[in-house]
Protein backbone atom coordinates (compact mmCIF):
# COMPACT_ATOMS: atom_id res chain seq x y z
CA MET A 1 -28.12 17.07 -9.97
CA GLU A 2 -24.95 15.61 -8.47
CA GLU A 3 -22.12 15.05 -10.94
CA LYS A 4 -21.37 11.51 -12.03
CA ILE A 5 -17.69 10.86 -11.41
CA VAL A 6 -15.23 7.99 -11.70
CA TYR A 7 -12.44 8.64 -9.20
CA ILE A 8 -9.17 7.28 -10.56
CA VAL A 9 -6.73 6.15 -7.88
CA HIS A 10 -3.33 4.86 -8.97
CA CYS A 11 -1.71 2.93 -6.10
CA VAL A 12 1.98 2.12 -6.59
CA ASP A 13 3.48 -0.66 -4.50
CA THR A 14 6.66 1.32 -3.95
CA GLU A 15 9.54 -1.08 -3.40
CA GLY A 16 12.53 0.60 -5.02
CA PRO A 17 14.99 -1.09 -7.41
CA MET A 18 14.82 -4.78 -8.24
CA PHE A 19 17.35 -6.86 -10.18
CA GLU A 20 16.40 -10.11 -11.89
CA SER A 21 19.04 -12.46 -13.29
CA LEU A 22 18.29 -15.10 -15.91
CA LYS A 23 18.51 -17.69 -13.14
CA SER A 24 15.88 -15.80 -11.14
CA THR A 25 13.63 -15.70 -14.20
CA GLY A 26 14.09 -19.46 -14.50
CA ASP A 27 13.25 -19.89 -10.81
CA ARG A 28 10.03 -17.92 -11.29
CA ILE A 29 9.10 -20.07 -14.30
CA PHE A 30 9.56 -23.19 -12.17
CA ASN A 31 7.52 -21.75 -9.30
CA ALA A 32 4.70 -20.73 -11.62
CA PHE A 33 4.55 -23.64 -14.06
CA GLY A 34 6.69 -26.44 -12.65
CA LEU A 35 8.91 -26.28 -15.75
CA SER A 36 12.69 -26.36 -15.43
CA TYR A 37 15.02 -24.87 -18.05
CA GLU A 38 18.71 -24.09 -18.30
CA MET A 39 18.27 -20.36 -18.82
CA THR A 40 20.30 -18.52 -21.43
CA PRO A 41 19.41 -15.42 -23.48
CA GLU A 42 18.62 -17.70 -26.43
CA LYS A 43 16.40 -19.96 -24.31
CA LEU A 44 14.53 -16.92 -22.97
CA LYS A 45 13.77 -15.73 -26.51
CA MET A 46 12.50 -19.22 -27.42
CA LEU A 47 10.21 -19.36 -24.41
CA GLN A 48 8.90 -15.87 -25.17
CA GLN A 49 7.78 -17.28 -28.55
CA GLY A 50 6.20 -20.32 -26.93
CA ILE A 51 8.89 -22.70 -28.23
CA ASP A 52 9.60 -25.73 -26.00
CA VAL A 53 6.50 -24.99 -23.89
CA PRO A 54 3.58 -27.43 -23.41
CA ASP A 55 0.63 -26.38 -25.58
CA GLU A 56 -1.70 -25.81 -22.63
CA LEU A 57 0.81 -23.38 -21.08
CA LYS A 58 1.97 -21.46 -24.17
CA GLU A 59 -0.38 -18.51 -23.79
CA SER A 60 0.35 -18.18 -20.08
CA MET A 61 4.12 -18.53 -20.56
CA MET A 62 4.26 -15.93 -23.33
CA ASP A 63 2.26 -13.55 -21.18
CA PHE A 64 4.47 -14.33 -18.17
CA LEU A 65 7.64 -13.55 -20.16
CA ASN A 66 6.32 -10.54 -22.06
CA PRO A 67 9.45 -8.41 -22.65
CA GLU A 68 7.67 -5.33 -21.29
CA ARG A 69 7.16 -7.13 -17.98
CA LEU A 70 10.82 -8.02 -17.76
CA LYS A 71 11.90 -4.37 -17.97
CA TYR A 72 12.98 -3.90 -14.38
CA ASN A 73 14.40 -0.75 -12.83
CA SER A 74 17.37 -2.45 -11.20
CA THR A 75 19.08 0.66 -9.78
CA TRP A 76 18.03 3.93 -8.20
CA SER A 77 19.37 5.69 -11.31
CA GLU A 78 16.92 3.78 -13.49
CA ILE A 79 14.05 4.50 -11.13
CA ASP A 80 14.98 8.18 -11.01
CA GLU A 81 15.03 8.40 -14.80
CA MET A 82 11.43 7.18 -14.80
CA LEU A 83 10.43 9.37 -11.84
CA ASP A 84 11.94 12.49 -13.38
CA SER A 85 9.66 11.90 -16.34
CA ILE A 86 6.40 10.94 -14.61
CA MET A 87 6.79 13.57 -11.90
CA SER A 88 7.13 16.37 -14.46
CA LYS A 89 4.18 18.69 -15.00
CA SER A 90 4.23 18.16 -18.76
CA TRP A 91 3.96 14.37 -18.45
CA ARG A 92 1.20 14.49 -15.87
CA MET A 93 -0.88 17.05 -17.73
CA LYS A 94 -0.95 14.77 -20.77
CA TYR A 95 -3.37 12.64 -18.74
CA SER A 96 -5.26 15.40 -16.92
CA ASP A 97 -8.80 14.72 -15.71
CA ASP A 98 -12.05 16.56 -16.48
CA PHE A 99 -11.45 19.06 -13.69
CA GLY A 100 -8.03 20.19 -14.88
CA ASN A 101 -6.16 18.04 -12.33
CA ALA A 102 -2.90 16.43 -13.36
CA TYR A 103 -2.33 12.69 -13.08
CA LYS A 104 -1.70 11.59 -9.47
CA PHE A 105 0.21 8.75 -7.85
CA ASN A 106 -0.32 7.22 -4.43
CA TRP A 107 2.99 5.76 -3.24
CA PHE A 108 2.46 2.83 -0.87
CA ILE A 109 5.92 2.57 0.67
CA LEU A 110 7.62 -0.70 1.61
CA ASP A 111 10.64 -1.06 3.90
CA PHE A 112 12.84 -4.07 3.10
CA VAL A 113 13.94 -5.02 6.61
CA GLY A 114 14.53 -8.19 8.59
CA PHE A 115 16.25 -10.00 5.72
CA THR A 116 19.59 -11.81 5.55
CA ILE A 117 19.40 -12.90 1.90
CA ASN A 118 18.99 -10.33 -0.88
CA PRO A 119 19.41 -11.87 -4.35
CA ARG A 120 17.32 -9.19 -6.09
CA ARG A 121 19.51 -6.36 -4.75
CA ARG A 122 16.65 -4.66 -2.93
CA ALA A 123 17.14 -1.33 -1.16
CA LEU A 124 17.38 -2.51 2.44
CA GLY A 125 16.77 -0.41 5.53
CA TYR A 126 14.16 1.50 7.49
CA ASN A 127 12.75 4.57 5.72
CA VAL A 128 15.23 4.26 2.83
CA ILE A 129 12.53 4.09 0.15
CA TYR A 130 10.22 6.47 2.03
CA ASN A 131 12.88 9.17 2.24
CA HIS A 132 13.78 8.80 -1.44
CA TYR A 133 10.20 9.40 -2.52
CA ALA A 134 9.53 12.15 0.02
CA GLU A 135 12.51 14.05 -1.39
CA LYS A 136 11.35 13.54 -4.97
CA ILE A 137 7.82 14.73 -4.20
CA LYS A 138 9.22 17.81 -2.48
CA LEU A 139 11.61 18.50 -5.38
CA PHE A 140 8.78 18.44 -7.92
CA ASN A 141 6.33 20.24 -5.59
CA LEU A 142 3.71 17.52 -5.99
CA LYS A 143 0.61 16.57 -4.02
CA ASP A 144 1.26 12.84 -4.26
CA LYS A 145 0.61 10.97 -1.01
CA LEU A 146 2.74 8.41 0.83
CA TYR A 147 1.00 5.44 2.45
CA PHE A 148 1.89 2.01 3.85
CA HIS A 149 2.80 -1.22 2.03
CA TYR A 150 4.18 -4.26 3.80
CA HIS A 151 5.53 -7.72 2.95
CA PRO A 152 5.38 -9.98 6.01
CA THR A 153 8.79 -11.43 6.81
CA PRO A 154 9.34 -14.85 5.14
CA PHE A 155 10.43 -17.80 7.23
CA PHE A 156 13.98 -17.88 5.85
CA TYR A 157 14.49 -14.10 5.73
CA GLU A 158 14.82 -13.89 1.95
CA ALA A 159 14.11 -10.43 0.52
CA ASN A 160 12.71 -11.89 -2.71
CA LYS A 161 9.93 -13.75 -0.86
CA ALA A 162 7.09 -12.99 1.54
CA SER A 163 4.81 -14.84 3.93
CA ASN A 164 1.12 -14.54 4.77
CA ASN A 165 1.19 -13.50 8.42
CA PHE A 166 2.13 -10.54 10.59
CA HIS A 167 2.89 -12.62 13.67
CA PHE A 168 6.12 -14.31 12.52
CA SER A 169 8.04 -11.09 13.25
CA ASN A 170 7.33 -7.62 14.57
CA GLU A 171 8.87 -5.80 11.62
CA HIS A 172 5.55 -4.12 10.78
CA LEU A 173 5.66 -2.55 14.26
CA GLN A 174 9.32 -1.61 13.84
CA ILE A 175 8.50 0.15 10.56
CA LEU A 176 5.49 2.00 11.93
CA SER A 177 7.28 3.03 15.12
CA ARG A 178 10.18 4.49 13.15
CA ARG A 179 7.84 6.38 10.88
CA VAL A 180 6.04 7.86 13.87
CA ILE A 181 9.16 8.84 15.83
CA ASP A 182 11.66 9.57 13.06
CA LEU A 183 9.33 11.06 10.43
CA LEU A 184 6.23 12.25 12.34
CA TYR A 185 4.20 10.06 10.01
CA PHE A 186 1.46 7.45 10.48
CA PRO A 187 -0.46 5.87 7.58
CA PRO A 188 -4.20 6.30 6.99
CA ALA A 189 -4.17 3.86 4.02
CA TYR A 190 -2.66 0.46 3.22
CA ARG A 191 -1.92 -1.82 0.25
CA PRO A 192 -1.18 -5.47 1.12
CA GLY A 193 2.09 -7.09 0.06
CA GLN A 194 1.53 -9.87 -2.49
CA HIS A 195 -2.09 -8.58 -2.47
CA THR A 196 -2.47 -10.84 0.56
CA GLU A 197 -4.57 -10.42 3.67
CA ARG A 198 -5.34 -13.12 6.19
CA ALA A 199 -7.18 -13.20 9.53
CA ASP A 200 -4.39 -11.66 11.62
CA ILE A 201 -3.73 -8.93 9.06
CA ASN A 202 -7.44 -8.16 8.90
CA LEU A 203 -7.59 -7.63 12.66
CA PHE A 204 -4.37 -5.61 12.82
CA LEU A 205 -5.49 -3.18 10.14
CA GLU A 206 -8.83 -2.71 11.86
CA GLN A 207 -7.06 -1.33 14.93
CA TRP A 208 -5.08 1.37 13.17
CA ILE A 209 -5.67 2.01 9.48
CA PRO A 210 -9.07 3.12 8.14
CA ILE A 211 -8.56 2.61 4.39
CA ASP A 212 -7.43 -0.52 2.58
CA TYR A 213 -6.91 -0.94 -1.18
CA GLY A 214 -6.57 -4.71 -1.05
CA ASN A 215 -9.65 -6.15 -2.75
CA GLN A 216 -8.91 -7.84 -6.07
CA GLY A 217 -12.27 -9.57 -6.33
CA MET A 218 -12.37 -11.33 -9.69
CA LEU A 219 -13.34 -14.78 -10.89
CA GLU A 220 -10.30 -17.02 -11.23
CA SER A 221 -9.50 -17.58 -14.88
CA ALA A 222 -8.44 -20.92 -16.35
CA LYS A 223 -5.08 -19.33 -17.11
CA ASP A 224 -4.60 -18.30 -13.48
CA ALA A 225 -5.52 -21.78 -12.25
CA LEU A 226 -2.68 -23.29 -14.33
CA GLN A 227 -0.06 -21.17 -12.55
CA ASN A 228 1.08 -22.77 -9.28
CA ASP A 229 2.17 -19.54 -7.63
CA ILE A 230 -1.20 -17.80 -7.97
CA GLY A 231 -3.78 -20.54 -8.57
CA GLY A 232 -6.33 -21.44 -5.92
CA GLY A 233 -5.89 -18.22 -3.98
CA ARG A 234 -2.21 -18.95 -3.30
CA TYR A 235 -1.45 -15.24 -2.96
CA GLY A 236 -4.01 -12.50 -2.78
CA ASP A 237 -7.11 -14.63 -2.30
CA TRP A 238 -10.06 -12.32 -3.05
CA ARG A 239 -12.16 -14.81 -5.01
CA ARG A 240 -15.16 -14.43 -2.69
CA ALA A 241 -14.94 -10.64 -2.36
CA THR A 242 -17.19 -8.25 -4.25
CA LYS A 243 -16.40 -7.92 -7.93
CA GLU A 244 -18.15 -4.56 -8.17
CA TRP A 245 -16.28 -1.25 -8.10
CA GLU A 246 -17.56 -0.58 -4.61
CA VAL A 247 -16.14 0.00 -1.13
CA TYR A 248 -17.16 -2.36 1.65
CA HIS A 249 -16.67 -3.03 5.37
CA PRO A 250 -15.17 -6.50 6.03
CA ASP A 251 -16.36 -9.25 8.34
CA TYR A 252 -14.38 -10.08 11.49
CA LEU A 253 -13.98 -13.73 10.52
CA ASP A 254 -13.65 -13.31 6.77
CA TYR A 255 -12.06 -10.21 5.26
CA GLN A 256 -13.57 -11.07 1.86
CA LYS A 257 -17.15 -10.87 3.11
CA LYS A 258 -19.09 -7.72 3.85
CA GLY A 259 -19.52 -7.36 7.59
CA SER A 260 -19.56 -5.08 10.60
CA MET A 261 -15.93 -3.99 10.83
CA LYS A 262 -15.27 -0.28 10.37
CA ARG A 263 -12.42 -0.40 7.85
CA TYR A 264 -13.12 0.60 4.25
CA ILE A 265 -11.84 -1.85 1.62
CA ALA A 266 -11.67 -0.62 -1.98
CA ARG A 267 -11.23 -2.71 -5.11
CA CYS A 268 -7.88 -2.35 -6.89
CA LEU A 269 -6.77 -4.33 -9.97
CA ASN A 270 -3.33 -4.81 -11.46
CA LEU A 271 -1.85 -2.72 -14.25
CA GLY A 272 0.49 -4.43 -16.72
CA CYS A 273 0.39 -7.72 -14.84
CA ARG A 274 -0.51 -11.34 -15.58
CA LEU A 275 -2.64 -11.58 -12.43
CA ARG A 276 -6.11 -10.01 -12.08
CA PRO A 277 -5.40 -7.31 -14.69
CA ILE A 278 -7.37 -4.16 -15.34
CA THR A 279 -9.20 -4.60 -18.65
CA ARG A 280 -11.36 -2.45 -20.88
CA GLU A 281 -14.35 -4.49 -19.67
CA GLU A 282 -13.53 -3.62 -16.06
CA ILE A 283 -13.16 0.06 -16.96
CA TYR A 284 -16.53 -0.10 -18.70
CA SER A 285 -18.03 -1.63 -15.56
CA ALA A 286 -16.75 1.29 -13.47
CA PHE A 287 -18.21 3.88 -15.84
CA SER A 288 -21.50 2.02 -16.03
CA ARG A 289 -21.73 2.01 -12.25
CA ALA A 290 -21.01 5.74 -12.06
CA ASP A 291 -23.54 6.41 -14.83
CA SER A 292 -26.21 4.66 -12.74
CA GLY A 293 -25.67 7.29 -10.03
CA LYS A 294 -23.31 5.34 -7.75
CA LYS A 295 -20.09 7.02 -6.66
CA THR A 296 -17.26 4.91 -8.02
CA ILE A 297 -13.53 4.42 -7.53
CA LEU A 298 -11.53 2.92 -10.40
CA SER A 299 -8.25 1.88 -8.80
CA ILE A 300 -5.14 0.28 -10.27
CA THR A 301 -1.85 -0.87 -8.81
CA ASN A 302 1.63 -1.71 -10.11
CA HIS A 303 5.27 -1.49 -9.01
CA ASP A 304 7.92 1.20 -9.35
CA SER A 305 10.50 -1.53 -10.00
CA ARG A 306 8.98 -1.94 -13.46
CA GLU A 307 8.69 0.58 -16.28
CA MET A 308 5.28 2.23 -15.84
CA ARG A 309 4.92 4.79 -18.61
CA ASN A 310 3.61 2.63 -21.46
CA ASP A 311 1.14 0.82 -19.20
CA ILE A 312 -0.25 4.11 -17.90
CA ASN A 313 -0.56 5.45 -21.42
CA ASP A 314 -2.51 2.35 -22.50
CA PHE A 315 -4.71 2.53 -19.42
CA MET A 316 -5.60 6.18 -19.89
CA GLN A 317 -6.32 5.62 -23.58
CA ASP A 318 -8.74 2.86 -22.58
CA VAL A 319 -10.33 5.13 -19.97
CA ARG A 320 -10.90 7.92 -22.49
CA ASP A 321 -12.17 5.50 -25.14
CA VAL A 322 -14.68 3.94 -22.74
CA GLN A 323 -15.73 7.38 -21.52
CA LYS A 324 -17.03 8.16 -25.03
CA ASP A 325 -19.96 5.84 -24.27
CA PHE A 326 -20.75 7.75 -21.07
CA SER A 327 -20.97 11.42 -21.95
CA ASN A 328 -22.38 12.36 -18.52
CA VAL A 329 -19.55 10.74 -16.52
CA LYS A 330 -16.37 12.64 -15.65
CA ILE A 331 -13.05 11.32 -14.42
CA CYS A 332 -11.19 12.76 -11.44
CA HIS A 333 -7.61 11.95 -10.41
CA THR A 334 -7.37 11.85 -6.64
CA ASN A 335 -5.58 10.28 -3.70
CA ALA A 336 -6.50 7.04 -1.98
CA VAL A 337 -8.03 8.65 1.09
CA SER A 338 -9.95 11.45 -0.62
CA ALA A 339 -11.53 8.97 -3.02
CA VAL A 340 -12.98 6.87 -0.21
CA ARG A 341 -14.15 9.97 1.62
CA SER A 342 -16.01 11.06 -1.50
CA VAL A 343 -17.72 7.79 -2.41
CA GLU A 344 -18.61 7.00 1.21
CA SER A 345 -19.77 10.57 1.97
CA MET A 346 -17.67 10.60 5.14
CA PRO A 347 -18.60 13.63 7.30
CA TYR A 348 -15.73 16.09 7.73
CA GLU A 349 -13.85 16.21 11.04
CA GLU A 350 -10.93 18.21 12.32
CA PRO A 351 -7.89 16.01 13.15
CA THR A 352 -7.67 14.59 16.66
CA LYS A 353 -5.80 16.72 19.18
CA PHE A 354 -4.05 15.12 22.15
CA ASP A 355 -3.22 16.74 25.45
CA ILE A 356 -0.07 14.88 26.53
CA THR A 357 1.52 15.26 29.93
CA LEU A 358 4.51 13.53 31.50
CA VAL A 359 4.69 13.93 35.25
CA ASP A 360 7.48 12.03 36.96
CA ASN A 361 7.14 8.61 35.32
CA LEU A 362 3.42 8.83 34.39
CA LEU A 363 2.46 9.59 30.79
CA THR A 364 -1.15 10.69 30.28
CA ILE A 365 -2.79 11.12 26.87
CA ARG A 366 -6.18 12.82 26.50
CA ALA A 367 -7.97 13.01 23.15
CA ASN A 368 -10.50 15.65 22.24
CA LYS A 369 -12.65 13.08 20.36
CA LEU A 370 -12.83 9.40 19.42
CA VAL A 371 -9.86 7.92 17.57
CA TRP A 372 -10.11 5.19 14.95
CA GLY A 373 -9.25 2.17 17.11
CA ALA A 374 -9.33 1.29 20.79
CA GLN A 375 -6.25 3.39 21.56
CA PRO A 376 -3.64 5.59 19.91
CA TYR A 377 -0.57 3.93 18.43
CA PHE A 378 2.06 4.21 21.18
CA CYS A 379 5.79 3.57 20.86
CA PHE A 380 9.13 4.76 22.19
CA HIS A 381 12.76 4.97 21.16
CA THR A 382 15.25 3.90 23.80
CA LYS A 383 18.69 5.31 24.42
CA ASP A 384 20.20 2.00 23.35
CA ASP A 385 18.49 2.55 19.96
CA ARG A 386 15.54 0.18 20.20
CA TYR A 387 12.08 1.07 18.87
CA ILE A 388 9.34 -0.53 20.96
CA HIS A 389 5.58 -0.60 20.43
CA GLU A 390 3.51 -0.89 23.59
CA ASN A 391 -0.08 -0.90 24.78
CA LEU A 392 -1.60 1.87 26.89
CA ASP A 393 -3.78 1.65 29.98
CA PHE A 394 -7.28 2.89 29.20
CA GLN A 395 -8.57 5.29 31.83
CA GLY A 396 -11.96 5.99 30.22
CA ASP A 397 -13.30 9.30 28.89
CA LEU A 398 -10.86 9.39 25.92
CA THR A 399 -7.86 9.11 28.26
CA TRP A 400 -4.97 6.65 28.27
CA SER A 401 -1.88 6.36 30.45
CA TYR A 402 1.42 4.56 30.76
CA VAL A 403 3.78 4.16 33.69
CA PHE A 404 7.51 3.90 33.01
CA ASP A 405 9.05 1.83 35.77
CA ILE A 406 11.33 -1.06 36.57
CA ASP A 407 8.70 -3.64 35.58
CA ASN A 408 8.68 -2.51 31.95
CA ILE A 409 11.23 0.23 31.20
CA GLU A 410 12.40 3.19 33.23
CA LEU A 411 11.96 6.70 31.88
CA SER A 412 15.68 7.33 32.22
CA LYS A 413 16.23 4.83 29.40
CA ILE A 414 13.86 6.61 26.99
CA HIS A 415 15.03 8.95 24.25
CA SER A 416 11.65 9.84 22.70
CA ILE A 417 8.00 8.76 22.71
CA GLY A 418 5.58 8.53 19.79
CA VAL A 419 1.79 8.81 19.83
CA ALA A 420 -0.31 8.61 16.65
CA ALA A 421 -3.89 8.02 15.57
CA ASN A 422 -6.24 8.22 12.66
CA ASP A 423 -9.82 9.38 13.12
CA HIS A 424 -13.12 8.51 11.47
CA TYR A 425 -12.45 10.93 8.62
CA ALA A 426 -9.02 9.33 8.04
CA ASN A 427 -7.24 12.41 9.34
CA THR A 428 -3.90 11.61 10.95
CA SER A 429 -2.39 13.06 14.12
CA VAL A 430 1.20 12.33 15.15
CA TYR A 431 3.05 13.49 18.27
CA ARG A 432 6.66 13.00 19.30
CA ILE A 433 7.78 13.69 22.87
CA ASN A 434 11.52 14.30 23.06
CA ILE A 435 13.07 13.76 26.48
CA SER A 436 16.37 15.42 27.40
CA LYS A 437 17.83 15.96 30.87
CA GLY A 438 14.45 15.84 32.57
CA LYS A 439 12.83 18.24 30.08
CA THR A 440 10.27 17.38 27.43
CA LYS A 441 9.62 18.91 24.03
CA ILE A 442 6.54 17.92 22.02
CA ASP A 443 6.46 18.00 18.19
CA SER A 444 3.23 17.35 16.34
CA CYS A 445 1.95 16.93 12.80
CA PHE A 446 -1.60 16.78 11.40
CA TYR A 447 -2.72 15.94 7.89
CA GLU A 448 -5.82 14.92 5.97
CA GLY A 449 -4.53 11.84 4.19
């Protein structure tokens, strides 16, 4: 008989340090509740006790201002203090699973780029946060995975805000192109910024990224509805999505509905958060589903800019307490891609291999099998330091081409070329073609998510 397993996937929206002043806390209170206060340390303590708050908002306000939720890691030193603890073997083994695996994190990396205003002192720059975490994972010799997280650029370029669409800027393409060319990396999994997907995001992800931990399907509570910044699906509208711990394929017109798209969307609730929180009841639901014989992912998400240790401890205590009612169900810590492979019984494939040739000004790319989307992700880095994403010409029979000429860009202006793709097993293949004095050198990297 096949083992009954709850796969635990901890997705961290990895955004680096974040500072919040008292004024910023006051601004968030106004945005959420429409209440304006002259913020001082004394006023904050009063509000945390529900003093000077309308009766109907007291519970929500006290939850909103819970001191644990205001413990921000405002510098890299504070983040590193936390990371040095939770990346240690001793800490992780405290929460080991039923197969002897240590606790795992999945770091969904955000780049803060395209901003001119930065009141929260975010770590700005391409690959800044990615490189910090890659170095930490290497230092501790961990198997944690790095994936993709993105906040669409807001209309006034403020780093403490986000919008709902990918089309206002091309920063998502800038980020991906730099990861391909500079890091030999392309993401097989995604977590949406502000938990938000819309029609354009749905279609973009379908082209490139097989696995999506966006679904926060949950009935809207009366408490949520009273908060202006999250009520009515303001951010992260998943009210019509499945509320089961299941993976689904979205619809082309409505990402919340089950449909005929290929992408896998998993459910993922918030840890230590006022919005759509993971609860003991939700954990029980996951175990009950697994006990019925259905393969189940129990996924949570939070932010590295907040202290995580106490929330994880509480979560794992709840998991183990609930598990006592399900003696036949085991827990397994795993990464975001492996979990979906397991519950969806995805047939194993070797990563895609490309045969890439550059003859004169004609680039030809031949794949040895189908890739995830209509074409590989194609980009290049110019000698004047621009990163450009471009479409390929499809030649049929798993072959694409591109001509560098005066109508687009001449090859003499190109420093390097990037080609990347995921496959139907969520393997990733990345190639970089370095061009120097008429010679080409090809680097490649393959990984299983």
